[in-house]
């Protein structure tokens, strides 16, 4: 469970640091970075909650914020994980691991390949 959580955090971090394609990725990334900075040296949950409320108020007070629904964020994280795990020969494994149909996995890989190529062309 802890290893899977670490992968989710890694996927989310990677997505937020490398994705400009979503209307909400920028703000979500800013909030994520601000939260990471606030939690660097915190041990107590009460202190965590207080610091987070203060930090959010300081950094985002007065702004209209849009956070994606958890479902949309989970889909982006899952799709990035599929792209990361894809080795060119493991479609069947990915279908089983992520509980998707073969055409769905192929569509995700095709989409991620296009995004990757666009990023390389721009950079």
N, C-alpha and C. Protein backbone atom coordinates (compact mmCIF):
# COMPACT_ATOMS: atom_id res chain seq x y z
N UNK A 1 0.83 -1.20 0.00
CA UNK A 1 0.00 0.00 0.00
C UNK A 1 0.87 1.26 0.00
N UNK A 2 1.91 1.24 0.83
CA UNK A 2 2.78 2.41 0.92
C UNK A 2 3.51 2.64 -0.40
N UNK A 3 3.93 1.54 -1.05
CA UNK A 3 4.62 1.65 -2.34
C UNK A 3 3.67 2.21 -3.40
N UNK A 4 2.42 1.76 -3.40
CA UNK A 4 1.44 2.27 -4.36
C UNK A 4 1.17 3.75 -4.11
N UNK A 5 1.10 4.14 -2.84
CA UNK A 5 0.91 5.54 -2.49
C UNK A 5 2.09 6.38 -2.99
N UNK A 6 3.28 5.85 -2.85
CA UNK A 6 4.47 6.57 -3.32
C UNK A 6 4.42 6.74 -4.83
N UNK A 7 3.95 5.73 -5.55
CA UNK A 7 3.82 5.84 -7.01
C UNK A 7 2.77 6.88 -7.39
N UNK A 8 1.66 6.91 -6.66
CA UNK A 8 0.63 7.90 -6.94
C UNK A 8 1.18 9.29 -6.72
N UNK A 9 1.90 9.50 -5.62
CA UNK A 9 2.50 10.80 -5.35
C UNK A 9 3.50 11.15 -6.44
N UNK A 10 4.31 10.17 -6.86
CA UNK A 10 5.29 10.42 -7.93
C UNK A 10 4.59 10.77 -9.23
N UNK A 11 3.52 10.04 -9.56
CA UNK A 11 2.77 10.33 -10.79
C UNK A 11 2.12 11.70 -10.73
N UNK A 12 1.53 12.03 -9.59
CA UNK A 12 0.89 13.33 -9.44
C UNK A 12 1.93 14.44 -9.54
N UNK A 13 3.05 14.25 -8.87
CA UNK A 13 4.12 15.25 -8.92
C UNK A 13 4.59 15.44 -10.35
N UNK A 14 4.84 14.34 -11.04
CA UNK A 14 5.28 14.42 -12.43
C UNK A 14 4.25 15.12 -13.30
N UNK A 15 2.99 14.77 -13.12
CA UNK A 15 1.92 15.39 -13.89
C UNK A 15 1.88 16.89 -13.65
N UNK A 16 1.93 17.28 -12.38
CA UNK A 16 1.81 18.70 -12.05
C UNK A 16 3.02 19.50 -12.50
N UNK A 17 4.18 18.87 -12.51
CA UNK A 17 5.39 19.59 -12.92
C UNK A 17 5.55 19.65 -14.43
N UNK A 18 4.89 18.75 -15.16
CA UNK A 18 5.13 18.66 -16.60
C UNK A 18 3.91 18.87 -17.47
N UNK A 19 2.79 19.26 -16.91
CA UNK A 19 1.59 19.36 -17.72
C UNK A 19 1.06 20.78 -17.78
N UNK A 20 1.03 21.31 -18.96
CA UNK A 20 0.41 22.62 -19.18
C UNK A 20 -0.84 22.48 -20.03
N UNK A 21 -1.23 21.24 -20.33
CA UNK A 21 -2.31 21.01 -21.27
C UNK A 21 -3.70 21.12 -20.65
N UNK A 22 -3.80 21.10 -19.34
CA UNK A 22 -5.10 21.14 -18.69
C UNK A 22 -5.38 22.54 -18.16
N UNK A 23 -6.64 22.90 -18.17
CA UNK A 23 -6.99 24.24 -17.69
C UNK A 23 -6.74 24.40 -16.21
N UNK A 24 -6.63 23.31 -15.49
CA UNK A 24 -6.45 23.41 -14.05
C UNK A 24 -5.08 22.98 -13.57
N UNK A 25 -4.21 22.54 -14.46
CA UNK A 25 -2.93 22.01 -14.00
C UNK A 25 -2.05 23.07 -13.36
N UNK A 26 -2.08 24.30 -13.87
CA UNK A 26 -1.23 25.35 -13.32
C UNK A 26 -1.57 25.68 -11.88
N UNK A 27 -2.82 25.96 -11.60
CA UNK A 27 -3.24 26.31 -10.25
C UNK A 27 -3.08 25.12 -9.31
N UNK A 28 -3.46 23.95 -9.78
CA UNK A 28 -3.32 22.76 -8.93
C UNK A 28 -1.85 22.56 -8.59
N UNK A 29 -0.97 22.77 -9.56
CA UNK A 29 0.46 22.66 -9.32
C UNK A 29 0.96 23.68 -8.32
N UNK A 30 0.47 24.91 -8.42
CA UNK A 30 0.87 25.94 -7.47
C UNK A 30 0.44 25.57 -6.05
N UNK A 31 -0.79 25.08 -5.92
CA UNK A 31 -1.28 24.67 -4.60
C UNK A 31 -0.45 23.50 -4.09
N UNK A 32 -0.17 22.54 -4.96
CA UNK A 32 0.63 21.38 -4.57
C UNK A 32 2.01 21.80 -4.07
N UNK A 33 2.67 22.69 -4.81
CA UNK A 33 4.00 23.16 -4.40
C UNK A 33 3.94 23.91 -3.07
N UNK A 34 2.92 24.74 -2.91
CA UNK A 34 2.78 25.49 -1.66
C UNK A 34 2.55 24.54 -0.49
N UNK A 35 1.72 23.51 -0.69
CA UNK A 35 1.49 22.53 0.37
C UNK A 35 2.76 21.76 0.69
N UNK A 36 3.50 21.37 -0.33
CA UNK A 36 4.76 20.65 -0.10
C UNK A 36 5.71 21.48 0.75
N UNK A 37 5.83 22.75 0.43
CA UNK A 37 6.73 23.62 1.19
C UNK A 37 6.27 23.76 2.64
N UNK A 38 4.97 23.86 2.85
CA UNK A 38 4.45 24.01 4.20
C UNK A 38 4.66 22.75 5.05
N UNK A 39 4.68 21.59 4.42
CA UNK A 39 4.74 20.33 5.17
C UNK A 39 6.15 19.79 5.36
N UNK A 40 7.14 20.52 4.95
CA UNK A 40 8.52 20.02 5.01
C UNK A 40 8.91 19.59 6.42
N UNK A 41 8.57 20.38 7.43
CA UNK A 41 9.05 20.05 8.78
C UNK A 41 7.93 19.94 9.81
N UNK A 42 6.78 19.45 9.40
CA UNK A 42 5.62 19.37 10.30
C UNK A 42 5.38 17.93 10.75
N UNK A 43 5.14 17.74 12.04
CA UNK A 43 4.84 16.42 12.58
C UNK A 43 3.41 16.30 13.12
N UNK A 44 2.86 17.36 13.63
CA UNK A 44 1.55 17.33 14.30
C UNK A 44 0.42 17.65 13.33
N UNK A 45 -0.65 16.84 13.34
CA UNK A 45 -1.75 17.06 12.40
C UNK A 45 -2.48 18.37 12.66
N UNK A 46 -2.63 18.77 13.92
CA UNK A 46 -3.27 20.05 14.22
C UNK A 46 -2.47 21.21 13.66
N UNK A 47 -1.18 21.11 13.81
CA UNK A 47 -0.30 22.14 13.26
C UNK A 47 -0.37 22.13 11.73
N UNK A 48 -0.45 20.93 11.16
CA UNK A 48 -0.57 20.81 9.70
C UNK A 48 -1.82 21.54 9.23
N UNK A 49 -2.95 21.25 9.86
CA UNK A 49 -4.20 21.87 9.45
C UNK A 49 -4.13 23.39 9.58
N UNK A 50 -3.62 23.87 10.69
CA UNK A 50 -3.53 25.31 10.90
C UNK A 50 -2.62 25.97 9.87
N UNK A 51 -1.48 25.37 9.65
CA UNK A 51 -0.54 25.94 8.69
C UNK A 51 -1.12 25.94 7.28
N UNK A 52 -1.83 24.87 6.93
CA UNK A 52 -2.42 24.80 5.59
C UNK A 52 -3.50 25.86 5.39
N UNK A 53 -4.34 26.04 6.40
CA UNK A 53 -5.38 27.07 6.29
C UNK A 53 -4.73 28.44 6.13
N UNK A 54 -3.72 28.72 6.93
CA UNK A 54 -3.05 30.02 6.83
C UNK A 54 -2.35 30.19 5.48
N UNK A 55 -1.67 29.16 5.04
CA UNK A 55 -0.95 29.23 3.76
C UNK A 55 -1.92 29.43 2.60
N UNK A 56 -3.03 28.67 2.60
CA UNK A 56 -4.01 28.81 1.52
C UNK A 56 -4.63 30.20 1.52
N UNK A 57 -4.92 30.70 2.71
CA UNK A 57 -5.48 32.05 2.82
C UNK A 57 -4.49 33.09 2.32
N UNK A 58 -3.24 32.94 2.71
CA UNK A 58 -2.19 33.89 2.31
C UNK A 58 -1.95 33.86 0.80
N UNK A 59 -1.82 32.68 0.24
CA UNK A 59 -1.44 32.55 -1.17
C UNK A 59 -2.61 32.64 -2.14
N UNK A 60 -3.80 32.26 -1.71
CA UNK A 60 -4.92 32.16 -2.65
C UNK A 60 -6.17 32.89 -2.18
N UNK A 61 -6.09 33.61 -1.07
CA UNK A 61 -7.24 34.34 -0.55
C UNK A 61 -7.78 35.33 -1.56
N UNK A 62 -9.08 35.34 -1.73
CA UNK A 62 -9.73 36.26 -2.66
C UNK A 62 -9.81 35.76 -4.08
N UNK A 63 -9.09 34.72 -4.39
CA UNK A 63 -9.07 34.18 -5.76
C UNK A 63 -10.19 33.16 -5.93
N UNK A 64 -10.68 33.07 -7.15
CA UNK A 64 -11.61 32.00 -7.47
C UNK A 64 -10.76 30.81 -7.92
N UNK A 65 -10.88 29.73 -7.20
CA UNK A 65 -10.05 28.56 -7.49
C UNK A 65 -10.88 27.48 -8.16
N UNK A 66 -10.25 26.78 -9.08
CA UNK A 66 -10.88 25.61 -9.69
C UNK A 66 -10.00 24.41 -9.41
N UNK A 67 -10.55 23.43 -8.74
CA UNK A 67 -9.87 22.17 -8.54
C UNK A 67 -10.60 21.12 -9.35
N UNK A 68 -9.87 20.27 -10.03
CA UNK A 68 -10.53 19.23 -10.81
C UNK A 68 -11.22 18.25 -9.87
N UNK A 69 -12.26 17.62 -10.38
CA UNK A 69 -12.87 16.54 -9.61
C UNK A 69 -11.81 15.46 -9.46
N UNK A 70 -11.91 14.74 -8.37
CA UNK A 70 -10.92 13.69 -8.12
C UNK A 70 -10.87 12.70 -9.27
N UNK A 71 -12.03 12.43 -9.88
CA UNK A 71 -12.07 11.47 -10.99
C UNK A 71 -11.19 11.93 -12.14
N UNK A 72 -11.29 13.20 -12.51
CA UNK A 72 -10.48 13.72 -13.62
C UNK A 72 -9.00 13.65 -13.30
N UNK A 73 -8.64 14.01 -12.07
CA UNK A 73 -7.24 13.97 -11.67
C UNK A 73 -6.72 12.53 -11.65
N UNK A 74 -7.54 11.61 -11.14
CA UNK A 74 -7.14 10.20 -11.10
C UNK A 74 -6.94 9.64 -12.51
N UNK A 75 -7.79 10.04 -13.45
CA UNK A 75 -7.65 9.58 -14.83
C UNK A 75 -6.33 10.07 -15.42
N UNK A 76 -6.00 11.34 -15.20
CA UNK A 76 -4.72 11.86 -15.70
C UNK A 76 -3.54 11.11 -15.08
N UNK A 77 -3.61 10.87 -13.78
CA UNK A 77 -2.53 10.15 -13.11
C UNK A 77 -2.43 8.73 -13.66
N UNK A 78 -3.59 8.06 -13.81
CA UNK A 78 -3.59 6.69 -14.36
C UNK A 78 -3.01 6.67 -15.76
N UNK A 79 -3.42 7.59 -16.61
CA UNK A 79 -2.93 7.61 -17.99
C UNK A 79 -1.43 7.86 -18.04
N UNK A 80 -0.93 8.74 -17.18
CA UNK A 80 0.51 8.96 -17.12
C UNK A 80 1.24 7.70 -16.65
N UNK A 81 0.64 6.98 -15.71
CA UNK A 81 1.24 5.74 -15.22
C UNK A 81 1.27 4.69 -16.33
N UNK A 82 0.20 4.61 -17.11
CA UNK A 82 0.17 3.67 -18.24
C UNK A 82 1.28 4.01 -19.22
N UNK A 83 1.42 5.28 -19.54
CA UNK A 83 2.48 5.71 -20.47
C UNK A 83 3.86 5.39 -19.90
N UNK A 84 4.04 5.62 -18.61
CA UNK A 84 5.32 5.34 -17.95
C UNK A 84 5.62 3.83 -17.99
N UNK A 85 4.59 3.01 -17.76
CA UNK A 85 4.78 1.56 -17.69
C UNK A 85 4.85 0.89 -19.06
N UNK A 86 4.41 1.57 -20.09
CA UNK A 86 4.36 0.99 -21.44
C UNK A 86 5.78 0.79 -21.98
N UNK A 87 6.05 -0.45 -22.43
CA UNK A 87 7.38 -0.74 -22.98
C UNK A 87 7.33 -1.17 -24.44
N UNK A 88 6.16 -1.06 -25.05
CA UNK A 88 6.00 -1.44 -26.44
C UNK A 88 5.51 -2.85 -26.65
N UNK A 89 5.58 -3.68 -25.60
CA UNK A 89 5.22 -5.08 -25.75
C UNK A 89 4.29 -5.58 -24.64
N UNK A 90 3.81 -4.69 -23.78
CA UNK A 90 3.08 -5.15 -22.60
C UNK A 90 1.63 -4.67 -22.52
N UNK A 91 0.97 -4.57 -23.66
CA UNK A 91 -0.42 -4.11 -23.68
C UNK A 91 -1.30 -5.02 -22.82
N UNK A 92 -1.17 -6.33 -22.95
CA UNK A 92 -1.99 -7.27 -22.19
C UNK A 92 -1.80 -7.06 -20.69
N UNK A 93 -0.57 -6.88 -20.27
CA UNK A 93 -0.27 -6.63 -18.86
C UNK A 93 -0.94 -5.33 -18.39
N UNK A 94 -0.85 -4.28 -19.19
CA UNK A 94 -1.46 -3.00 -18.82
C UNK A 94 -2.98 -3.10 -18.75
N UNK A 95 -3.57 -3.86 -19.67
CA UNK A 95 -5.02 -4.08 -19.67
C UNK A 95 -5.44 -4.69 -18.33
N UNK A 96 -4.72 -5.73 -17.91
CA UNK A 96 -5.03 -6.41 -16.65
C UNK A 96 -4.77 -5.50 -15.45
N UNK A 97 -3.60 -4.87 -15.45
CA UNK A 97 -3.19 -4.06 -14.30
C UNK A 97 -4.12 -2.87 -14.06
N UNK A 98 -4.57 -2.23 -15.12
CA UNK A 98 -5.38 -1.02 -14.96
C UNK A 98 -6.87 -1.25 -15.18
N UNK A 99 -7.26 -2.49 -15.49
CA UNK A 99 -8.67 -2.83 -15.62
C UNK A 99 -9.37 -2.12 -16.77
N UNK A 100 -8.65 -1.95 -17.86
CA UNK A 100 -9.20 -1.27 -19.04
C UNK A 100 -9.25 -2.23 -20.21
N UNK A 101 -10.00 -1.86 -21.23
CA UNK A 101 -10.02 -2.67 -22.45
C UNK A 101 -8.76 -2.40 -23.26
N UNK A 102 -8.45 -3.31 -24.15
CA UNK A 102 -7.27 -3.14 -25.00
C UNK A 102 -7.38 -1.87 -25.86
N UNK A 103 -8.55 -1.60 -26.49
CA UNK A 103 -8.65 -0.35 -27.26
C UNK A 103 -8.45 0.90 -26.39
N UNK A 104 -8.92 0.85 -25.14
CA UNK A 104 -8.74 2.01 -24.25
C UNK A 104 -7.27 2.25 -23.96
N UNK A 105 -6.53 1.18 -23.71
CA UNK A 105 -5.09 1.33 -23.45
C UNK A 105 -4.39 1.86 -24.70
N UNK A 106 -4.74 1.34 -25.87
CA UNK A 106 -4.14 1.86 -27.11
C UNK A 106 -4.45 3.35 -27.31
N UNK A 107 -5.68 3.77 -27.00
CA UNK A 107 -6.04 5.19 -27.14
C UNK A 107 -5.21 6.06 -26.20
N UNK A 108 -5.04 5.59 -24.97
CA UNK A 108 -4.25 6.34 -23.99
C UNK A 108 -2.81 6.47 -24.46
N UNK A 109 -2.24 5.38 -24.94
CA UNK A 109 -0.86 5.40 -25.42
C UNK A 109 -0.73 6.33 -26.62
N UNK A 110 -1.69 6.27 -27.52
CA UNK A 110 -1.68 7.16 -28.69
C UNK A 110 -1.73 8.63 -28.26
N UNK A 111 -2.60 8.93 -27.31
CA UNK A 111 -2.74 10.30 -26.82
C UNK A 111 -1.44 10.76 -26.14
N UNK A 112 -0.88 9.91 -25.30
CA UNK A 112 0.34 10.28 -24.59
C UNK A 112 1.52 10.41 -25.55
N UNK A 113 1.56 9.58 -26.57
CA UNK A 113 2.63 9.67 -27.57
C UNK A 113 2.56 11.03 -28.27
N UNK A 114 1.34 11.45 -28.64
CA UNK A 114 1.16 12.77 -29.28
C UNK A 114 1.61 13.89 -28.35
N UNK A 115 1.19 13.82 -27.09
CA UNK A 115 1.58 14.84 -26.11
C UNK A 115 3.10 14.88 -25.98
N UNK A 116 3.71 13.72 -25.91
CA UNK A 116 5.17 13.63 -25.76
C UNK A 116 5.87 14.23 -26.97
N UNK A 117 5.38 13.92 -28.16
CA UNK A 117 5.98 14.46 -29.39
C UNK A 117 5.81 15.97 -29.46
N UNK A 118 4.64 16.47 -29.08
CA UNK A 118 4.39 17.92 -29.09
C UNK A 118 5.32 18.62 -28.12
N UNK A 119 5.51 18.03 -26.94
CA UNK A 119 6.40 18.61 -25.94
C UNK A 119 7.83 18.65 -26.45
N UNK A 120 8.27 17.59 -27.11
CA UNK A 120 9.63 17.55 -27.65
C UNK A 120 9.81 18.57 -28.76
N UNK A 121 8.79 18.76 -29.60
CA UNK A 121 8.88 19.72 -30.69
C UNK A 121 8.94 21.14 -30.17
N UNK A 122 8.22 21.42 -29.08
CA UNK A 122 8.20 22.76 -28.51
C UNK A 122 9.46 23.06 -27.72
N UNK A 123 10.04 22.03 -27.11
CA UNK A 123 11.17 22.24 -26.22
C UNK A 123 12.45 22.13 -26.91
